[in-house]
Amino acid sequence: MPGSSVKSLCDDESFSSLVMRGVLDAPAAQTFYDEIKDYTLEGDPDFDHAYTQSGSAPVYDRIKPNDCWIIPHTVSDFVCMQCLASSLKEYHALRFMKAWRQVAQPFCKSHNKLLDSFPARNSDLMNFLVQKPSSLRTTLPESILQMIACTARKIYEDLIETMHFECPAAAQKRFSSFRFLLELFLHAQSDSGGIASFYMSAPRSRNSRWQPFSWQSSFQTGAVISNALERACAIIMYHAISSDASQISIAPITSQISGFGYHYPITPESIGSLSRLVMSEVNPAVTARLHSYSEILNCSSYQRFLRGFHHDKC
């Protein structure tokens, strides 16, 4: 690899971004444009392990993502416009970060803001330079959106830190609860979607392209088609039901958004009852999964959420 390529390599940069910038001589780079069917990872340079068989394997091993809960390029692209502007100035090219594609990271760590979203990436990437980002469907001002982004980032980083000190089995269970509950809050089963799709914004428009065939696919689909505000809202909801001290940390957000017409309380009971209310049907497997997390989410807030979900208390 040429010295200039090594110099411009960033461990946080996505593999497809390096391919597009011509930093790597990846033999199968053209598969970057292939459809990603059914949200599999096939043909996606960031996550397709076939790339480890290429001459770029050592580089891929350095920059591959930690998990595969990703948003396909064929659905949408999430970026930080300030980061892209900096990369144009420094590298004379658009550089895309791995974290921007992770469902659980709807924020830019460098600028403490929600990511901007664009339609599925086109071949010349000019949509990032000439188009406006997709709307967040909210009337919340930028100052409150930044507060939401900072809160979601802290919750996520605290979660990762907690998992770091747990045994592998407990950490895996905790992240499983995090993923499942976020997907519950973001699902695409009903007309408006999960509750995180309308708590801080106008409801998500129903799109026949994303009609799921099962509760599993409705959960997975909802997560990857959600915008950054929806995903940040889901993270805050997870915190609200998984920590007995959460109401103190999220109180400023609750008071701020209520002034703009968003009056749903971010309390465990309300999150539970509304989550159940907007689901067209509840598969017994969903209920079983929720109860299975009682051990790892051992707090009164989670029990209040479960009672709300079963309409024992609203």
Protein backbone atom coordinates (compact mmCIF):
# COMPACT_ATOMS: atom_id res chain seq x y z
CA MET A 1 0.00 0.00 0.00
CA PRO A 2 1.43 3.40 -0.94
CA GLY A 3 2.68 5.58 1.87
CA SER A 4 0.11 8.28 1.15
CA SER A 5 -2.66 5.71 1.55
CA VAL A 6 -1.35 4.65 4.94
CA LYS A 7 -1.16 8.28 5.98
CA SER A 8 -4.79 8.93 5.10
CA LEU A 9 -6.09 5.72 6.66
CA CYS A 10 -8.33 6.24 9.67
CA ASP A 11 -9.37 3.36 11.91
CA ASP A 12 -12.81 4.91 12.33
CA GLU A 13 -13.40 5.30 8.60
CA SER A 14 -15.70 2.81 6.91
CA PHE A 15 -14.18 0.33 4.49
CA SER A 16 -16.48 1.41 1.64
CA SER A 17 -15.36 5.01 2.19
CA LEU A 18 -11.73 3.99 1.76
CA VAL A 19 -12.66 2.08 -1.40
CA MET A 20 -14.54 5.06 -2.83
CA ARG A 21 -11.63 7.39 -2.09
CA GLY A 22 -9.29 5.05 -3.93
CA VAL A 23 -7.12 4.50 -0.87
CA LEU A 24 -7.34 0.75 -1.32
CA ASP A 25 -7.08 -1.39 -4.38
CA ALA A 26 -10.05 -3.59 -3.48
CA PRO A 27 -10.71 -6.09 -6.28
CA ALA A 28 -14.44 -6.30 -5.63
CA ALA A 29 -15.15 -2.64 -5.01
CA GLN A 30 -17.93 -2.63 -7.59
CA THR A 31 -20.10 -4.72 -5.26
CA PHE A 32 -20.46 -1.56 -3.21
CA TYR A 33 -23.36 -0.71 -5.53
CA ASP A 34 -25.07 -4.08 -5.26
CA GLU A 35 -28.45 -4.39 -3.61
CA ILE A 36 -28.39 -5.64 -0.04
CA LYS A 37 -31.22 -8.14 -0.01
CA ASP A 38 -33.29 -8.61 3.14
CA TYR A 39 -30.78 -6.62 5.20
CA THR A 40 -28.08 -9.26 4.84
CA LEU A 41 -24.46 -8.17 4.72
CA GLU A 42 -23.66 -9.77 1.38
CA GLY A 43 -21.98 -7.42 -1.06
CA ASP A 44 -21.39 -4.66 1.47
CA PRO A 45 -17.68 -3.78 1.66
CA ASP A 46 -18.00 -2.56 5.25
CA PHE A 47 -19.31 -5.86 6.51
CA ASP A 48 -18.82 -8.58 3.87
CA HIS A 49 -16.16 -10.96 5.19
CA ALA A 50 -15.30 -11.95 1.65
CA TYR A 51 -13.14 -8.86 1.69
CA THR A 52 -10.90 -10.50 4.25
CA GLN A 53 -9.78 -12.79 1.43
CA SER A 54 -8.49 -9.86 -0.59
CA GLY A 55 -5.14 -8.17 -0.41
CA SER A 56 -6.73 -5.57 1.84
CA ALA A 57 -7.45 -8.06 4.64
CA PRO A 58 -5.01 -6.49 7.16
CA VAL A 59 -6.64 -3.10 6.67
CA TYR A 60 -10.13 -4.58 6.86
CA ASP A 61 -9.29 -6.26 10.16
CA ARG A 62 -8.29 -2.88 11.59
CA ILE A 63 -11.45 -1.05 10.60
CA LYS A 64 -14.21 -3.67 10.59
CA PRO A 65 -17.17 -2.82 12.84
CA ASN A 66 -17.69 -4.29 16.28
CA ASP A 67 -21.18 -5.51 15.48
CA CYS A 68 -23.49 -5.92 12.50
CA TRP A 69 -26.51 -3.88 13.63
CA ILE A 70 -26.16 -1.61 10.63
CA ILE A 71 -28.14 0.57 8.24
CA PRO A 72 -27.62 -0.59 4.63
CA HIS A 73 -26.50 1.96 2.05
CA THR A 74 -29.52 0.86 -0.01
CA VAL A 75 -31.87 2.26 2.66
CA SER A 76 -30.25 5.58 3.55
CA ASP A 77 -26.99 7.18 4.58
CA PHE A 78 -26.40 9.01 7.84
CA VAL A 79 -23.62 11.58 8.04
CA CYS A 80 -22.35 14.50 10.04
CA MET A 81 -22.21 17.41 7.62
CA GLN A 82 -19.60 19.18 9.73
CA CYS A 83 -17.35 16.13 9.57
CA LEU A 84 -17.81 15.90 5.80
CA ALA A 85 -16.88 19.56 5.45
CA SER A 86 -13.72 18.97 7.49
CA SER A 87 -12.79 15.94 5.39
CA LEU A 88 -13.20 17.95 2.18
CA LYS A 89 -10.88 20.58 3.58
CA GLU A 90 -8.26 18.14 4.89
CA TYR A 91 -8.43 15.24 2.40
CA HIS A 92 -10.22 16.82 -0.59
CA ALA A 93 -12.63 13.88 -0.41
CA LEU A 94 -15.70 12.72 1.47
CA ARG A 95 -14.81 10.38 4.33
CA PHE A 96 -17.54 8.32 6.00
CA MET A 97 -17.27 6.90 9.49
CA LYS A 98 -18.19 3.37 10.54
CA ALA A 99 -20.22 4.60 13.50
CA TRP A 100 -22.60 6.53 11.25
CA ARG A 101 -24.04 3.24 10.00
CA GLN A 102 -24.66 1.76 13.44
CA VAL A 103 -28.31 1.80 14.55
CA ALA A 104 -27.22 2.45 18.14
CA GLN A 105 -25.18 5.57 17.31
CA PRO A 106 -27.47 8.24 15.79
CA PHE A 107 -25.11 11.00 16.91
CA CYS A 108 -21.75 12.48 15.97
CA LYS A 109 -19.32 12.11 18.85
CA SER A 110 -17.13 14.91 17.55
CA HIS A 111 -19.84 17.55 17.32
CA ASN A 112 -22.47 16.24 19.78
CA LYS A 113 -25.29 16.47 17.26
CA LEU A 114 -27.78 14.16 15.62
CA LEU A 115 -26.70 12.76 12.27
CA ASP A 116 -28.22 14.06 9.05
CA SER A 117 -29.85 11.49 6.78
CA PHE A 118 -29.93 11.23 3.00
CA PRO A 119 -31.60 8.84 0.57
CA ALA A 120 -29.81 5.72 -0.65
CA ARG A 121 -26.30 6.64 -1.79
CA ASN A 122 -25.84 7.34 -5.50
CA SER A 123 -22.77 6.53 -7.53
CA ASP A 124 -21.08 9.94 -7.47
CA LEU A 125 -21.98 10.86 -3.85
CA MET A 126 -23.08 14.31 -5.02
CA ASN A 127 -26.33 14.06 -3.06
CA PHE A 128 -24.32 15.00 0.04
CA LEU A 129 -23.22 18.24 -1.62
CA VAL A 130 -26.31 19.40 -3.53
CA GLN A 131 -29.29 17.96 -1.64
CA LYS A 132 -30.75 18.90 1.72
CA PRO A 133 -30.85 16.25 4.46
CA SER A 134 -34.12 14.44 5.03
CA SER A 135 -36.46 16.08 7.53
CA LEU A 136 -36.55 14.91 11.15
CA ARG A 137 -40.31 15.67 11.14
CA THR A 138 -40.03 17.73 14.31
CA THR A 139 -40.55 21.30 15.47
CA LEU A 140 -37.88 21.03 18.15
CA PRO A 141 -35.14 23.67 17.78
CA GLU A 142 -31.50 22.80 17.26
CA SER A 143 -30.60 23.52 20.89
CA ILE A 144 -32.99 20.83 22.16
CA LEU A 145 -31.97 18.39 19.42
CA GLN A 146 -28.37 18.82 20.58
CA MET A 147 -29.46 18.15 24.18
CA ILE A 148 -31.16 14.95 22.99
CA ALA A 149 -28.05 13.90 21.05
CA CYS A 150 -25.77 14.50 24.07
CA THR A 151 -28.12 12.55 26.37
CA ALA A 152 -28.36 9.61 23.97
CA ARG A 153 -24.60 9.55 23.56
CA LYS A 154 -23.99 9.49 27.31
CA ILE A 155 -26.54 6.70 27.80
CA TYR A 156 -24.91 4.63 25.07
CA GLU A 157 -21.38 5.20 26.36
CA ASP A 158 -22.46 4.36 29.93
CA LEU A 159 -24.01 1.14 28.60
CA ILE A 160 -20.78 0.17 26.86
CA GLU A 161 -18.77 0.96 30.00
CA THR A 162 -21.12 -1.16 32.14
CA MET A 163 -20.78 -4.06 29.73
CA HIS A 164 -16.99 -3.72 29.84
CA PHE A 165 -16.97 -4.66 33.52
CA GLU A 166 -19.45 -7.52 33.19
CA CYS A 167 -18.74 -11.13 32.39
CA PRO A 168 -19.26 -11.97 28.68
CA ALA A 169 -22.60 -13.70 29.28
CA ALA A 170 -24.03 -10.77 31.26
CA ALA A 171 -22.72 -8.23 28.75
CA GLN A 172 -24.24 -10.17 25.89
CA LYS A 173 -27.58 -10.35 27.70
CA ARG A 174 -27.53 -6.63 28.45
CA PHE A 175 -26.82 -5.69 24.85
CA SER A 176 -29.50 -8.13 23.72
CA SER A 177 -32.00 -6.28 25.94
CA PHE A 178 -30.82 -2.95 24.56
CA ARG A 179 -31.22 -4.05 20.96
CA PHE A 180 -34.57 -5.78 21.44
CA LEU A 181 -36.12 -2.87 23.34
CA LEU A 182 -34.87 -0.29 20.85
CA GLU A 183 -36.37 -2.37 18.04
CA LEU A 184 -39.63 -2.58 20.00
CA PHE A 185 -39.72 1.22 20.23
CA LEU A 186 -38.86 1.59 16.51
CA HIS A 187 -40.82 -1.25 14.91
CA ALA A 188 -42.71 -0.91 11.62
CA GLN A 189 -45.68 -3.09 12.54
CA SER A 190 -48.39 -0.44 12.87
CA ASP A 191 -49.32 2.54 10.69
CA SER A 192 -47.15 5.02 12.59
CA GLY A 193 -44.50 2.57 13.76
CA GLY A 194 -43.17 2.14 17.29
CA ILE A 195 -43.60 4.85 19.88
CA ALA A 196 -40.16 6.38 19.30
CA SER A 197 -41.30 7.28 15.78
CA PHE A 198 -43.76 9.88 17.12
CA TYR A 199 -42.74 10.79 20.71
CA MET A 200 -40.62 13.75 19.63
CA SER A 201 -41.74 14.16 16.02
CA ALA A 202 -44.62 13.79 13.60
CA PRO A 203 -45.49 10.12 12.95
CA ARG A 204 -43.49 8.26 10.35
CA SER A 205 -45.25 7.98 6.98
CA ARG A 206 -46.35 4.49 6.06
CA ASN A 207 -44.32 3.16 3.14
CA SER A 208 -45.44 0.05 1.28
CA ARG A 209 -41.78 -0.67 0.50
CA TRP A 210 -41.24 -1.59 4.14
CA GLN A 211 -44.20 -3.85 4.79
CA PRO A 212 -42.92 -6.56 7.15
CA PHE A 213 -44.11 -10.17 7.12
CA SER A 214 -43.51 -11.03 10.78
CA TRP A 215 -42.92 -9.31 14.10
CA GLN A 216 -39.20 -10.07 13.79
CA SER A 217 -38.95 -8.35 10.42
CA SER A 218 -41.10 -5.44 11.66
CA PHE A 219 -38.63 -4.91 14.52
CA GLN A 220 -35.55 -5.16 12.29
CA THR A 221 -37.06 -3.03 9.52
CA GLY A 222 -38.21 -0.29 11.87
CA ALA A 223 -34.74 0.05 13.35
CA VAL A 224 -32.96 0.53 10.02
CA ILE A 225 -35.50 2.93 8.46
CA SER A 226 -35.68 5.18 11.54
CA ASN A 227 -34.07 8.61 11.47
CA ALA A 228 -31.52 9.82 14.00
CA LEU A 229 -34.08 11.54 16.24
CA GLU A 230 -36.23 8.41 16.45
CA ARG A 231 -33.22 6.28 17.40
CA ALA A 232 -32.01 8.81 19.98
CA CYS A 233 -35.52 8.88 21.45
CA ALA A 234 -35.49 5.05 21.66
CA ILE A 235 -32.16 5.13 23.50
CA ILE A 236 -33.55 7.63 26.02
CA MET A 237 -36.61 5.40 26.49
CA TYR A 238 -34.36 2.42 27.16
CA HIS A 239 -32.64 4.45 29.86
CA ALA A 240 -35.99 5.45 31.33
CA ILE A 241 -37.05 1.82 31.85
CA SER A 242 -33.65 0.34 32.77
CA SER A 243 -32.50 2.72 35.51
CA ASP A 244 -34.30 3.86 38.65
CA ALA A 245 -32.34 7.13 38.53
CA SER A 246 -33.27 7.87 34.92
CA GLN A 247 -36.06 10.38 35.62
CA ILE A 248 -33.54 12.83 37.05
CA SER A 249 -31.28 12.75 33.98
CA ILE A 250 -34.09 12.95 31.41
CA ALA A 251 -36.24 15.51 33.26
CA PRO A 252 -34.70 18.49 31.37
CA ILE A 253 -35.61 16.89 28.03
CA THR A 254 -39.16 16.10 29.16
CA SER A 255 -39.76 19.69 30.26
CA GLN A 256 -38.25 21.13 27.08
CA ILE A 257 -40.13 19.01 24.52
CA SER A 258 -43.49 19.52 26.26
CA GLY A 259 -43.24 23.20 25.39
CA PHE A 260 -43.33 22.29 21.71
CA GLY A 261 -46.42 20.13 21.83
CA TYR A 262 -44.88 16.72 22.61
CA HIS A 263 -46.71 15.75 25.77
CA TYR A 264 -46.19 12.00 26.06
CA PRO A 265 -44.49 11.37 29.43
CA ILE A 266 -41.19 9.52 29.30
CA THR A 267 -42.03 7.29 32.25
CA PRO A 268 -41.76 3.50 32.45
CA GLU A 269 -45.53 2.99 32.76
CA SER A 270 -46.35 5.24 29.81
CA ILE A 271 -43.65 3.74 27.63
CA GLY A 272 -44.97 0.27 28.42
CA SER A 273 -48.67 1.00 27.88
CA LEU A 274 -48.13 3.00 24.68
CA SER A 275 -45.75 0.38 23.29
CA ARG A 276 -48.50 -2.21 23.69
CA LEU A 277 -51.20 0.11 22.40
CA VAL A 278 -49.56 0.85 19.04
CA MET A 279 -48.81 -2.79 18.24
CA SER A 280 -51.41 -4.39 15.98
CA GLU A 281 -50.75 -7.69 17.73
CA VAL A 282 -48.34 -8.98 20.34
CA ASN A 283 -46.68 -12.29 19.64
CA PRO A 284 -46.17 -14.41 22.79
CA ALA A 285 -42.48 -14.55 21.88
CA VAL A 286 -42.26 -10.77 22.36
CA THR A 287 -43.77 -10.99 25.83
CA ALA A 288 -41.45 -13.87 26.73
CA ARG A 289 -38.40 -11.91 25.59
CA LEU A 290 -39.45 -8.87 27.61
CA HIS A 291 -39.83 -10.94 30.77
CA SER A 292 -36.52 -12.70 30.14
CA TYR A 293 -34.69 -9.38 30.60
CA SER A 294 -36.00 -8.86 34.15
CA GLU A 295 -32.87 -10.45 35.58
CA ILE A 296 -30.35 -8.27 33.75
CA LEU A 297 -32.56 -5.14 34.06
CA ASN A 298 -33.13 -5.71 37.75
CA CYS A 299 -34.81 -2.47 38.78
CA SER A 300 -38.26 -1.20 39.69
CA SER A 301 -38.42 0.94 36.53
CA TYR A 302 -38.33 -2.15 34.33
CA GLN A 303 -41.08 -3.82 36.37
CA ARG A 304 -43.19 -0.67 36.01
CA PHE A 305 -42.60 -0.83 32.26
CA LEU A 306 -43.78 -4.45 32.18
CA ARG A 307 -46.90 -3.57 34.17
CA GLY A 308 -47.64 -0.77 31.73
CA PHE A 309 -47.12 -3.10 28.80
CA HIS A 310 -49.72 -5.45 30.25
CA HIS A 311 -52.04 -2.52 31.07
CA ASP A 312 -51.98 -3.31 34.76
CA LYS A 313 -51.00 0.29 35.38
CA CYS A 314 -51.02 3.24 33.00
